[in-house]
Amino acid sequence: MHGPDGLPARELTLGHDIQALVTDRDGRIWTAYGDEGVYGDHPASQTGLHGMDAAGRTVWSPGRGELPGHPLEGLAAATEGRAVWLAWYPDTKGSFLTRVDPSGGPSSSLPLPVREPVGFAVGGDRAVFLDHRSGLLWAERVGDGWKELRRAPLGLPGELDRQRAYGRNGVLWFRSGNGWYRVAA
């Protein structure tokens, strides 16, 4: 880890097979792991989803029965204010978006409107999801799910960089070809 001055401050082991990683505005690190991490030997990875502070101390990991399944593969991550959202799919059907309130509130999970988003952003009850096959999908949170508002194909020059899509406070940033793109939820 690097400090505010850009110099190395400390080293941390974050786990194995990290598929999605995001930091929040308080410097906490949130990760969603792949199956090799979940079934591996690092304790942070085994829960599938994990939050830690800058010193490497666990601030959140899902308790037994807290999620609608056991995470098998992390997909993407985003922040909204102090909350963090982690997209993942379990060893059963479906894929989910879990919201974690780091101030101690309960986590909540909703089914995802796309199976495997490359990235997403959430702002209030609105969200935008980036699917590498079908493009962008805007949705509104309604009860325990999402109502699709509209879809748009990407139609951008170059290939979508599936490793560089980030959601912050309702804005999705992603890279395609030689450019970065910004889309609001």
N, C-alpha and C. Protein backbone atom coordinates (compact mmCIF):
# COMPACT_ATOMS: atom_id res chain seq x y z
N MET A 1 0.84 -1.17 0.00
CA MET A 1 0.00 0.00 0.00
C MET A 1 0.89 1.23 0.00
N HIS A 2 0.38 2.27 -0.66
CA HIS A 2 1.09 3.53 -0.72
C HIS A 2 0.34 4.57 0.11
N GLY A 3 1.09 5.44 0.75
CA GLY A 3 0.50 6.50 1.55
C GLY A 3 0.08 7.67 0.69
N PRO A 4 -0.49 8.71 1.31
CA PRO A 4 -0.93 9.90 0.58
C PRO A 4 0.21 10.59 -0.18
N ASP A 5 1.45 10.39 0.28
CA ASP A 5 2.60 11.00 -0.39
C ASP A 5 3.08 10.19 -1.58
N GLY A 6 2.45 9.04 -1.83
CA GLY A 6 2.82 8.19 -2.96
C GLY A 6 3.92 7.20 -2.66
N LEU A 7 4.46 7.24 -1.45
CA LEU A 7 5.53 6.31 -1.08
C LEU A 7 4.96 5.04 -0.46
N PRO A 8 5.66 3.91 -0.61
CA PRO A 8 5.18 2.67 0.00
C PRO A 8 5.04 2.83 1.52
N ALA A 9 3.90 2.41 2.06
CA ALA A 9 3.64 2.55 3.49
C ALA A 9 3.62 1.19 4.20
N ARG A 10 3.06 0.17 3.57
CA ARG A 10 3.01 -1.16 4.18
C ARG A 10 2.64 -2.17 3.11
N GLU A 11 2.82 -3.44 3.47
CA GLU A 11 2.43 -4.53 2.59
C GLU A 11 1.29 -5.30 3.22
N LEU A 12 0.35 -5.72 2.39
CA LEU A 12 -0.80 -6.50 2.85
C LEU A 12 -1.00 -7.68 1.92
N THR A 13 -1.50 -8.76 2.47
CA THR A 13 -1.96 -9.86 1.63
C THR A 13 -3.47 -9.77 1.61
N LEU A 14 -4.05 -9.62 0.43
CA LEU A 14 -5.49 -9.41 0.30
C LEU A 14 -6.26 -10.69 0.04
N GLY A 15 -5.56 -11.80 -0.16
CA GLY A 15 -6.22 -13.06 -0.47
C GLY A 15 -5.82 -13.54 -1.85
N HIS A 16 -6.46 -14.60 -2.31
CA HIS A 16 -6.13 -15.22 -3.59
C HIS A 16 -7.28 -15.07 -4.57
N ASP A 17 -6.95 -14.95 -5.85
CA ASP A 17 -7.92 -14.94 -6.95
C ASP A 17 -8.92 -13.80 -6.83
N ILE A 18 -8.42 -12.59 -6.67
CA ILE A 18 -9.28 -11.41 -6.58
C ILE A 18 -9.85 -11.11 -7.96
N GLN A 19 -11.17 -11.08 -8.07
CA GLN A 19 -11.85 -10.79 -9.33
C GLN A 19 -12.33 -9.34 -9.39
N ALA A 20 -12.62 -8.76 -8.24
CA ALA A 20 -13.07 -7.36 -8.18
C ALA A 20 -12.52 -6.74 -6.91
N LEU A 21 -12.05 -5.51 -7.02
CA LEU A 21 -11.50 -4.79 -5.87
C LEU A 21 -11.88 -3.33 -6.00
N VAL A 22 -12.31 -2.74 -4.90
CA VAL A 22 -12.64 -1.32 -4.88
C VAL A 22 -12.27 -0.79 -3.50
N THR A 23 -11.89 0.48 -3.43
CA THR A 23 -11.65 1.11 -2.14
C THR A 23 -12.73 2.16 -1.92
N ASP A 24 -13.10 2.36 -0.66
CA ASP A 24 -14.09 3.38 -0.37
C ASP A 24 -13.39 4.67 0.07
N ARG A 25 -14.16 5.70 0.31
CA ARG A 25 -13.56 7.00 0.61
C ARG A 25 -12.87 7.05 1.96
N ASP A 26 -13.09 6.02 2.81
CA ASP A 26 -12.41 5.94 4.09
C ASP A 26 -11.19 5.04 4.04
N GLY A 27 -10.81 4.60 2.84
CA GLY A 27 -9.60 3.80 2.67
C GLY A 27 -9.77 2.31 2.90
N ARG A 28 -11.00 1.86 3.10
CA ARG A 28 -11.22 0.42 3.25
C ARG A 28 -11.14 -0.26 1.89
N ILE A 29 -10.74 -1.52 1.91
CA ILE A 29 -10.55 -2.31 0.69
C ILE A 29 -11.62 -3.39 0.66
N TRP A 30 -12.34 -3.46 -0.46
CA TRP A 30 -13.44 -4.43 -0.61
C TRP A 30 -13.12 -5.34 -1.79
N THR A 31 -13.26 -6.63 -1.58
CA THR A 31 -12.89 -7.59 -2.61
C THR A 31 -13.97 -8.64 -2.82
N ALA A 32 -14.03 -9.12 -4.04
CA ALA A 32 -14.86 -10.28 -4.40
C ALA A 32 -13.93 -11.26 -5.10
N TYR A 33 -13.92 -12.49 -4.65
CA TYR A 33 -12.94 -13.48 -5.08
C TYR A 33 -13.51 -14.48 -6.07
N GLY A 34 -12.61 -15.13 -6.80
CA GLY A 34 -12.98 -16.22 -7.70
C GLY A 34 -12.94 -17.55 -6.98
N ASP A 35 -13.31 -18.59 -7.69
CA ASP A 35 -13.43 -19.91 -7.06
C ASP A 35 -12.11 -20.44 -6.50
N GLU A 36 -10.98 -20.10 -7.12
CA GLU A 36 -9.70 -20.57 -6.59
C GLU A 36 -9.40 -19.94 -5.23
N GLY A 37 -9.86 -18.71 -5.01
CA GLY A 37 -9.71 -18.09 -3.71
C GLY A 37 -10.69 -18.65 -2.70
N VAL A 38 -11.95 -18.81 -3.13
CA VAL A 38 -12.99 -19.32 -2.24
C VAL A 38 -12.62 -20.70 -1.71
N TYR A 39 -12.10 -21.54 -2.58
CA TYR A 39 -11.74 -22.91 -2.18
C TYR A 39 -10.26 -23.06 -1.86
N GLY A 40 -9.55 -21.93 -1.75
CA GLY A 40 -8.12 -21.96 -1.42
C GLY A 40 -7.88 -21.91 0.07
N ASP A 41 -6.65 -21.53 0.44
CA ASP A 41 -6.27 -21.59 1.85
C ASP A 41 -6.13 -20.23 2.54
N HIS A 42 -6.45 -19.14 1.85
CA HIS A 42 -6.36 -17.83 2.51
C HIS A 42 -7.71 -17.49 3.14
N PRO A 43 -7.73 -17.19 4.45
CA PRO A 43 -9.00 -16.97 5.15
C PRO A 43 -9.85 -15.82 4.59
N ALA A 44 -9.22 -14.76 4.10
CA ALA A 44 -10.00 -13.63 3.56
C ALA A 44 -10.76 -14.05 2.31
N SER A 45 -10.16 -14.91 1.50
CA SER A 45 -10.77 -15.32 0.23
C SER A 45 -11.91 -16.30 0.42
N GLN A 46 -11.87 -17.09 1.47
CA GLN A 46 -12.80 -18.21 1.61
C GLN A 46 -14.26 -17.79 1.77
N THR A 47 -14.51 -16.57 2.23
CA THR A 47 -15.90 -16.12 2.36
C THR A 47 -16.46 -15.62 1.03
N GLY A 48 -15.60 -15.43 0.03
CA GLY A 48 -16.03 -14.98 -1.28
C GLY A 48 -16.10 -13.47 -1.41
N LEU A 49 -16.55 -12.80 -0.38
CA LEU A 49 -16.64 -11.34 -0.32
C LEU A 49 -15.97 -10.91 0.97
N HIS A 50 -15.25 -9.77 0.94
CA HIS A 50 -14.50 -9.39 2.14
C HIS A 50 -14.22 -7.89 2.13
N GLY A 51 -14.23 -7.29 3.32
CA GLY A 51 -13.84 -5.90 3.49
C GLY A 51 -12.79 -5.80 4.57
N MET A 52 -11.77 -4.96 4.36
CA MET A 52 -10.73 -4.78 5.37
C MET A 52 -10.30 -3.32 5.41
N ASP A 53 -9.71 -2.94 6.54
CA ASP A 53 -9.21 -1.58 6.64
C ASP A 53 -7.79 -1.53 6.07
N ALA A 54 -7.19 -0.34 6.10
CA ALA A 54 -5.87 -0.16 5.49
C ALA A 54 -4.77 -0.91 6.23
N ALA A 55 -5.04 -1.38 7.44
CA ALA A 55 -4.07 -2.19 8.19
C ALA A 55 -4.27 -3.68 7.93
N GLY A 56 -5.29 -4.03 7.15
CA GLY A 56 -5.54 -5.43 6.84
C GLY A 56 -6.49 -6.13 7.79
N ARG A 57 -7.10 -5.38 8.72
CA ARG A 57 -8.06 -5.97 9.66
C ARG A 57 -9.43 -6.09 9.00
N THR A 58 -10.09 -7.20 9.22
CA THR A 58 -11.41 -7.43 8.64
C THR A 58 -12.42 -6.45 9.22
N VAL A 59 -13.16 -5.77 8.34
CA VAL A 59 -14.25 -4.90 8.78
C VAL A 59 -15.60 -5.51 8.43
N TRP A 60 -15.61 -6.44 7.47
CA TRP A 60 -16.85 -7.14 7.13
C TRP A 60 -16.52 -8.40 6.34
N SER A 61 -17.23 -9.44 6.65
CA SER A 61 -17.30 -10.63 5.80
C SER A 61 -18.67 -11.22 6.08
N PRO A 62 -19.26 -11.88 5.11
CA PRO A 62 -20.64 -12.35 5.30
C PRO A 62 -20.73 -13.44 6.37
N GLY A 63 -21.72 -13.28 7.23
CA GLY A 63 -21.98 -14.30 8.23
C GLY A 63 -22.78 -15.45 7.62
N ARG A 64 -22.83 -16.54 8.32
CA ARG A 64 -23.58 -17.71 7.85
C ARG A 64 -25.04 -17.33 7.62
N GLY A 65 -25.55 -17.61 6.43
CA GLY A 65 -26.94 -17.32 6.09
C GLY A 65 -27.23 -15.88 5.72
N GLU A 66 -26.21 -15.02 5.73
CA GLU A 66 -26.42 -13.60 5.42
C GLU A 66 -26.65 -13.36 3.93
N LEU A 67 -26.10 -14.20 3.08
CA LEU A 67 -26.22 -14.06 1.63
C LEU A 67 -27.16 -15.12 1.07
N PRO A 68 -27.70 -14.89 -0.12
CA PRO A 68 -28.62 -15.87 -0.72
C PRO A 68 -27.93 -17.12 -1.27
N GLY A 69 -26.67 -17.28 -1.05
CA GLY A 69 -25.89 -18.44 -1.48
C GLY A 69 -24.45 -18.20 -1.10
N HIS A 70 -23.59 -19.21 -1.30
CA HIS A 70 -22.17 -19.02 -1.03
C HIS A 70 -21.49 -18.50 -2.30
N PRO A 71 -20.80 -17.34 -2.23
CA PRO A 71 -20.16 -16.79 -3.42
C PRO A 71 -19.17 -17.77 -4.05
N LEU A 72 -19.27 -17.92 -5.35
CA LEU A 72 -18.35 -18.76 -6.10
C LEU A 72 -17.43 -17.91 -6.98
N GLU A 73 -17.96 -16.79 -7.50
CA GLU A 73 -17.17 -15.95 -8.40
C GLU A 73 -17.56 -14.49 -8.25
N GLY A 74 -16.58 -13.64 -7.95
CA GLY A 74 -16.80 -12.22 -7.91
C GLY A 74 -16.84 -11.65 -9.32
N LEU A 75 -17.67 -10.64 -9.53
CA LEU A 75 -17.84 -10.07 -10.87
C LEU A 75 -17.38 -8.63 -10.97
N ALA A 76 -17.83 -7.77 -10.06
CA ALA A 76 -17.52 -6.35 -10.13
C ALA A 76 -17.81 -5.73 -8.78
N ALA A 77 -17.35 -4.48 -8.58
CA ALA A 77 -17.57 -3.79 -7.32
C ALA A 77 -17.73 -2.29 -7.60
N ALA A 78 -18.47 -1.62 -6.71
CA ALA A 78 -18.68 -0.17 -6.84
C ALA A 78 -18.94 0.42 -5.47
N THR A 79 -18.80 1.73 -5.36
CA THR A 79 -19.13 2.41 -4.12
C THR A 79 -20.23 3.44 -4.38
N GLU A 80 -20.96 3.72 -3.32
CA GLU A 80 -22.01 4.75 -3.35
C GLU A 80 -22.01 5.39 -1.97
N GLY A 81 -21.47 6.61 -1.88
CA GLY A 81 -21.32 7.23 -0.57
C GLY A 81 -20.41 6.36 0.29
N ARG A 82 -20.87 6.00 1.48
CA ARG A 82 -20.09 5.11 2.35
C ARG A 82 -20.37 3.64 2.10
N ALA A 83 -21.38 3.34 1.30
CA ALA A 83 -21.74 1.95 1.04
C ALA A 83 -20.91 1.37 -0.10
N VAL A 84 -20.75 0.06 -0.07
CA VAL A 84 -20.08 -0.66 -1.15
C VAL A 84 -21.04 -1.70 -1.70
N TRP A 85 -20.96 -1.93 -3.00
CA TRP A 85 -21.78 -2.92 -3.69
C TRP A 85 -20.84 -3.94 -4.33
N LEU A 86 -21.12 -5.22 -4.12
CA LEU A 86 -20.31 -6.30 -4.68
C LEU A 86 -21.20 -7.21 -5.52
N ALA A 87 -20.84 -7.41 -6.78
CA ALA A 87 -21.60 -8.29 -7.68
C ALA A 87 -20.90 -9.64 -7.72
N TRP A 88 -21.70 -10.71 -7.68
CA TRP A 88 -21.14 -12.06 -7.60
C TRP A 88 -22.17 -13.09 -8.00
N TYR A 89 -21.71 -14.31 -8.25
CA TYR A 89 -22.67 -15.39 -8.43
C TYR A 89 -22.28 -16.56 -7.54
N PRO A 90 -23.29 -17.29 -7.08
CA PRO A 90 -23.07 -18.38 -6.13
C PRO A 90 -22.89 -19.72 -6.84
N ASP A 91 -22.77 -20.74 -6.01
CA ASP A 91 -22.65 -22.10 -6.54
C ASP A 91 -24.02 -22.66 -6.91
N THR A 92 -25.06 -21.84 -6.80
CA THR A 92 -26.41 -22.22 -7.23
C THR A 92 -26.83 -21.29 -8.37
N LYS A 93 -28.11 -21.19 -8.66
CA LYS A 93 -28.59 -20.34 -9.77
C LYS A 93 -28.53 -18.86 -9.44
N GLY A 94 -28.49 -18.06 -10.50
CA GLY A 94 -28.60 -16.61 -10.37
C GLY A 94 -27.28 -15.92 -10.14
N SER A 95 -27.35 -14.60 -10.04
CA SER A 95 -26.23 -13.77 -9.65
C SER A 95 -26.80 -12.61 -8.85
N PHE A 96 -25.98 -12.04 -7.97
CA PHE A 96 -26.50 -11.11 -6.98
C PHE A 96 -25.63 -9.87 -6.84
N LEU A 97 -26.26 -8.83 -6.30
CA LEU A 97 -25.60 -7.59 -5.96
C LEU A 97 -25.83 -7.38 -4.46
N THR A 98 -24.73 -7.36 -3.70
CA THR A 98 -24.82 -7.21 -2.25
C THR A 98 -24.34 -5.83 -1.86
N ARG A 99 -25.17 -5.14 -1.07
CA ARG A 99 -24.82 -3.82 -0.54
C ARG A 99 -24.36 -3.99 0.89
N VAL A 100 -23.20 -3.42 1.21
CA VAL A 100 -22.65 -3.49 2.56
C VAL A 100 -22.56 -2.07 3.11
N ASP A 101 -23.08 -1.87 4.31
CA ASP A 101 -22.99 -0.60 5.01
C ASP A 101 -21.86 -0.73 6.03
N PRO A 102 -20.69 -0.14 5.77
CA PRO A 102 -19.55 -0.33 6.67
C PRO A 102 -19.73 0.30 8.04
N SER A 103 -20.76 1.12 8.23
CA SER A 103 -20.98 1.70 9.55
C SER A 103 -21.72 0.74 10.47
N GLY A 104 -21.92 -0.49 10.02
CA GLY A 104 -22.50 -1.50 10.90
C GLY A 104 -23.91 -1.92 10.56
N GLY A 105 -24.52 -1.30 9.58
CA GLY A 105 -25.87 -1.71 9.20
C GLY A 105 -25.84 -3.07 8.54
N PRO A 106 -26.99 -3.69 8.40
CA PRO A 106 -27.02 -5.02 7.78
C PRO A 106 -26.74 -4.95 6.28
N SER A 107 -26.20 -6.03 5.75
CA SER A 107 -26.02 -6.10 4.30
C SER A 107 -27.35 -6.54 3.69
N SER A 108 -27.50 -6.28 2.40
CA SER A 108 -28.69 -6.73 1.69
C SER A 108 -28.28 -7.17 0.29
N SER A 109 -28.99 -8.14 -0.25
CA SER A 109 -28.67 -8.67 -1.58
C SER A 109 -29.89 -8.65 -2.47
N LEU A 110 -29.67 -8.30 -3.73
CA LEU A 110 -30.71 -8.30 -4.75
C LEU A 110 -30.24 -9.13 -5.93
N PRO A 111 -31.16 -9.78 -6.65
CA PRO A 111 -30.76 -10.45 -7.89
C PRO A 111 -30.27 -9.41 -8.89
N LEU A 112 -29.26 -9.75 -9.66
CA LEU A 112 -28.76 -8.86 -10.70
C LEU A 112 -29.65 -8.92 -11.93
N PRO A 113 -29.84 -7.80 -12.63
CA PRO A 113 -30.63 -7.83 -13.87
C PRO A 113 -29.84 -8.35 -15.07
N VAL A 114 -28.53 -8.48 -14.95
CA VAL A 114 -27.68 -9.11 -15.97
C VAL A 114 -26.85 -10.18 -15.28
N ARG A 115 -26.57 -11.26 -15.96
CA ARG A 115 -25.91 -12.41 -15.32
C ARG A 115 -24.49 -12.10 -14.86
N GLU A 116 -23.68 -11.50 -15.72
CA GLU A 116 -22.28 -11.27 -15.38
C GLU A 116 -21.85 -9.86 -15.81
N PRO A 117 -22.19 -8.84 -15.02
CA PRO A 117 -21.78 -7.49 -15.41
C PRO A 117 -20.26 -7.31 -15.32
N VAL A 118 -19.73 -6.57 -16.28
CA VAL A 118 -18.31 -6.22 -16.27
C VAL A 118 -18.10 -5.10 -15.25
N GLY A 119 -19.08 -4.23 -15.12
CA GLY A 119 -19.04 -3.12 -14.19
C GLY A 119 -20.43 -2.59 -13.99
N PHE A 120 -20.58 -1.74 -12.98
CA PHE A 120 -21.88 -1.14 -12.69
C PHE A 120 -21.67 0.07 -11.79
N ALA A 121 -22.71 0.88 -11.67
CA ALA A 121 -22.72 2.00 -10.73
C ALA A 121 -24.13 2.12 -10.17
N VAL A 122 -24.21 2.49 -8.90
CA VAL A 122 -25.49 2.66 -8.23
C VAL A 122 -25.55 4.06 -7.66
N GLY A 123 -26.67 4.74 -7.90
CA GLY A 123 -26.92 6.06 -7.34
C GLY A 123 -28.35 6.10 -6.84
N GLY A 124 -28.55 6.02 -5.54
CA GLY A 124 -29.91 5.96 -4.99
C GLY A 124 -30.60 4.69 -5.43
N ASP A 125 -31.77 4.81 -6.03
CA ASP A 125 -32.51 3.64 -6.52
C ASP A 125 -32.24 3.35 -7.99
N ARG A 126 -31.32 4.08 -8.60
CA ARG A 126 -31.00 3.88 -10.02
C ARG A 126 -29.63 3.22 -10.15
N ALA A 127 -29.47 2.45 -11.22
CA ALA A 127 -28.20 1.79 -11.49
C ALA A 127 -28.00 1.65 -12.99
N VAL A 128 -26.75 1.53 -13.38
CA VAL A 128 -26.40 1.19 -14.76
C VAL A 128 -25.45 0.00 -14.70
N PHE A 129 -25.68 -0.97 -15.58
CA PHE A 129 -24.89 -2.20 -15.62
C PHE A 129 -24.26 -2.32 -17.00
N LEU A 130 -23.00 -2.71 -17.04
CA LEU A 130 -22.27 -2.91 -18.29
C LEU A 130 -22.12 -4.41 -18.53
N ASP A 131 -22.71 -4.87 -19.61
CA ASP A 131 -22.65 -6.28 -20.00
C ASP A 131 -21.82 -6.36 -21.27
N HIS A 132 -20.77 -7.17 -21.28
CA HIS A 132 -19.88 -7.21 -22.45
C HIS A 132 -20.58 -7.76 -23.70
N ARG A 133 -21.71 -8.44 -23.53
CA ARG A 133 -22.42 -8.98 -24.69
C ARG A 133 -23.47 -8.00 -25.22
N SER A 134 -24.25 -7.41 -24.32
CA SER A 134 -25.41 -6.63 -24.76
C SER A 134 -25.28 -5.12 -24.55
N GLY A 135 -24.24 -4.65 -23.90
CA GLY A 135 -24.06 -3.21 -23.73
C GLY A 135 -24.50 -2.73 -22.36
N LEU A 136 -25.18 -1.59 -22.35
CA LEU A 136 -25.58 -0.95 -21.10
C LEU A 136 -27.04 -1.21 -20.78
N LEU A 137 -27.33 -1.38 -19.51
CA LEU A 137 -28.70 -1.55 -19.05
C LEU A 137 -28.90 -0.62 -17.85
N TRP A 138 -29.91 0.24 -17.93
CA TRP A 138 -30.28 1.10 -16.82
C TRP A 138 -31.47 0.47 -16.11
N ALA A 139 -31.45 0.53 -14.79
CA ALA A 139 -32.52 -0.10 -14.02
C ALA A 139 -32.82 0.73 -12.78
N GLU A 140 -34.01 0.50 -12.25
CA GLU A 140 -34.45 1.15 -11.02
C GLU A 140 -34.76 0.07 -10.00
N ARG A 141 -34.29 0.29 -8.76
CA ARG A 141 -34.56 -0.67 -7.70
C ARG A 141 -36.02 -0.55 -7.28
N VAL A 142 -36.71 -1.68 -7.32
CA VAL A 142 -38.12 -1.74 -6.93
C VAL A 142 -38.28 -2.95 -6.01
N GLY A 143 -38.56 -2.69 -4.73
CA GLY A 143 -38.71 -3.79 -3.78
C GLY A 143 -37.44 -4.61 -3.68
N ASP A 144 -37.56 -5.90 -3.94
CA ASP A 144 -36.42 -6.82 -3.84
C ASP A 144 -35.80 -7.13 -5.20
N GLY A 145 -35.93 -6.22 -6.16
CA GLY A 145 -35.37 -6.48 -7.48
C GLY A 145 -35.14 -5.20 -8.26
N TRP A 146 -34.98 -5.36 -9.56
CA TRP A 146 -34.71 -4.25 -10.46
C TRP A 146 -35.74 -4.22 -11.58
N LYS A 147 -36.17 -3.03 -11.94
CA LYS A 147 -37.05 -2.83 -13.09
C LYS A 147 -36.20 -2.22 -14.20
N GLU A 148 -36.16 -2.90 -15.34
CA GLU A 148 -35.37 -2.40 -16.46
C GLU A 148 -36.00 -1.12 -16.99
N LEU A 149 -35.17 -0.09 -17.18
CA LEU A 149 -35.63 1.18 -17.72
C LEU A 149 -35.31 1.31 -19.21
N ARG A 150 -34.09 0.94 -19.58
CA ARG A 150 -33.71 0.97 -21.00
C ARG A 150 -32.39 0.24 -21.19
N ARG A 151 -32.11 -0.05 -22.46
CA ARG A 151 -30.86 -0.70 -22.86
C ARG A 151 -30.25 0.09 -24.02
N ALA A 152 -28.94 0.00 -24.14
CA ALA A 152 -28.26 0.62 -25.28
C ALA A 152 -27.03 -0.21 -25.62
N PRO A 153 -26.84 -0.48 -26.91
CA PRO A 153 -25.61 -1.18 -27.31
C PRO A 153 -24.43 -0.24 -27.12
N LEU A 154 -23.24 -0.80 -26.96
CA LEU A 154 -22.07 0.05 -26.76
C LEU A 154 -21.69 0.80 -28.02
N GLY A 155 -21.46 0.10 -29.11
CA GLY A 155 -21.11 0.75 -30.36
C GLY A 155 -19.90 1.66 -30.26
N LEU A 156 -18.90 1.26 -29.50
CA LEU A 156 -17.71 2.07 -29.31
C LEU A 156 -16.55 1.52 -30.12
N PRO A 157 -15.60 2.40 -30.48
CA PRO A 157 -14.43 1.90 -31.20
C PRO A 157 -13.55 1.07 -30.26
N GLY A 158 -12.94 0.06 -30.80
CA GLY A 158 -12.02 -0.75 -30.01
C GLY A 158 -12.74 -1.78 -29.17
N GLU A 159 -11.95 -2.59 -28.52
CA GLU A 159 -12.47 -3.67 -27.69
C GLU A 159 -12.70 -3.19 -26.26
N LEU A 160 -13.79 -3.64 -25.66
CA LEU A 160 -14.09 -3.32 -24.27
C LEU A 160 -13.05 -3.97 -23.37
N ASP A 161 -12.45 -3.17 -22.49
CA ASP A 161 -11.49 -3.68 -21.51
C ASP A 161 -12.28 -4.18 -20.31
N ARG A 162 -12.44 -5.48 -20.20
CA ARG A 162 -13.31 -6.06 -19.17
C ARG A 162 -12.69 -6.02 -17.78
N GLN A 163 -11.46 -5.56 -17.66
CA GLN A 163 -10.82 -5.44 -16.35
C GLN A 163 -10.86 -4.01 -15.81
N ARG A 164 -11.34 -3.07 -16.61
CA ARG A 164 -11.31 -1.67 -16.20
C ARG A 164 -12.69 -1.04 -16.32
N ALA A 165 -13.52 -1.34 -15.34
CA ALA A 165 -14.85 -0.72 -15.24
C ALA A 165 -15.09 -0.45 -13.76
N TYR A 166 -15.35 0.80 -13.41
CA TYR A 166 -15.45 1.20 -12.01
C TYR A 166 -16.69 2.05 -11.78
N GLY A 167 -17.40 1.78 -10.71
CA GLY A 167 -18.56 2.57 -10.34
C GLY A 167 -18.30 3.37 -9.09
N ARG A 168 -18.56 4.66 -9.16
CA ARG A 168 -18.41 5.55 -8.00
C ARG A 168 -19.59 6.50 -7.95
N ASN A 169 -20.36 6.42 -6.87
CA ASN A 169 -21.43 7.39 -6.61
C ASN A 169 -22.33 7.63 -7.82
N GLY A 170 -22.80 6.55 -8.41
CA GLY A 170 -23.77 6.66 -9.49
C GLY A 170 -23.18 6.89 -10.87
N VAL A 171 -21.87 6.85 -11.00
CA VAL A 171 -21.22 7.04 -12.30
C VAL A 171 -20.34 5.83 -12.61
N LEU A 172 -20.55 5.24 -13.78
CA LEU A 172 -19.75 4.12 -14.25
C LEU A 172 -18.67 4.63 -15.19
N TRP A 173 -17.43 4.29 -14.89
CA TRP A 173 -16.29 4.61 -15.75
C TRP A 173 -15.80 3.31 -16.35
N PHE A 174 -15.58 3.29 -17.66
CA PHE A 174 -15.03 2.08 -18.28
C PHE A 174 -14.17 2.45 -19.48
N ARG A 175 -13.33 1.50 -19.86
CA ARG A 175 -12.37 1.72 -20.95
C ARG A 175 -12.72 0.84 -22.14
N SER A 176 -12.64 1.44 -23.32
CA SER A 176 -12.82 0.71 -24.57
C SER A 176 -11.89 1.33 -25.60
N GLY A 177 -11.14 0.49 -26.31
CA GLY A 177 -10.17 1.03 -27.26
C GLY A 177 -9.16 1.89 -26.54
N ASN A 178 -8.96 3.11 -27.02
CA ASN A 178 -8.00 4.03 -26.39
C ASN A 178 -8.68 5.08 -25.53
N GLY A 179 -9.96 4.90 -25.21
CA GLY A 179 -10.65 5.93 -24.46
C GLY A 179 -11.33 5.44 -23.20
N TRP A 180 -11.58 6.38 -22.31
CA TRP A 180 -12.37 6.13 -21.10
C TRP A 180 -13.75 6.74 -21.32
N TYR A 181 -14.77 6.08 -20.81
CA TYR A 181 -16.15 6.53 -20.98
C TYR A 181 -16.81 6.64 -19.62
N ARG A 182 -17.72 7.61 -19.52
CA ARG A 182 -18.42 7.90 -18.27
C ARG A 182 -19.91 7.84 -18.55
N VAL A 183 -20.64 7.04 -17.73
CA VAL A 183 -22.08 6.89 -17.92
C VAL A 183 -22.75 7.02 -16.55
N ALA A 184 -23.77 7.86 -16.46
CA ALA A 184 -24.50 8.04 -15.20
C ALA A 184 -25.60 6.99 -15.06
N ALA A 185 -25.87 6.64 -13.81
CA ALA A 185 -26.94 5.66 -13.52
C ALA A 185 -28.30 6.25 -13.82
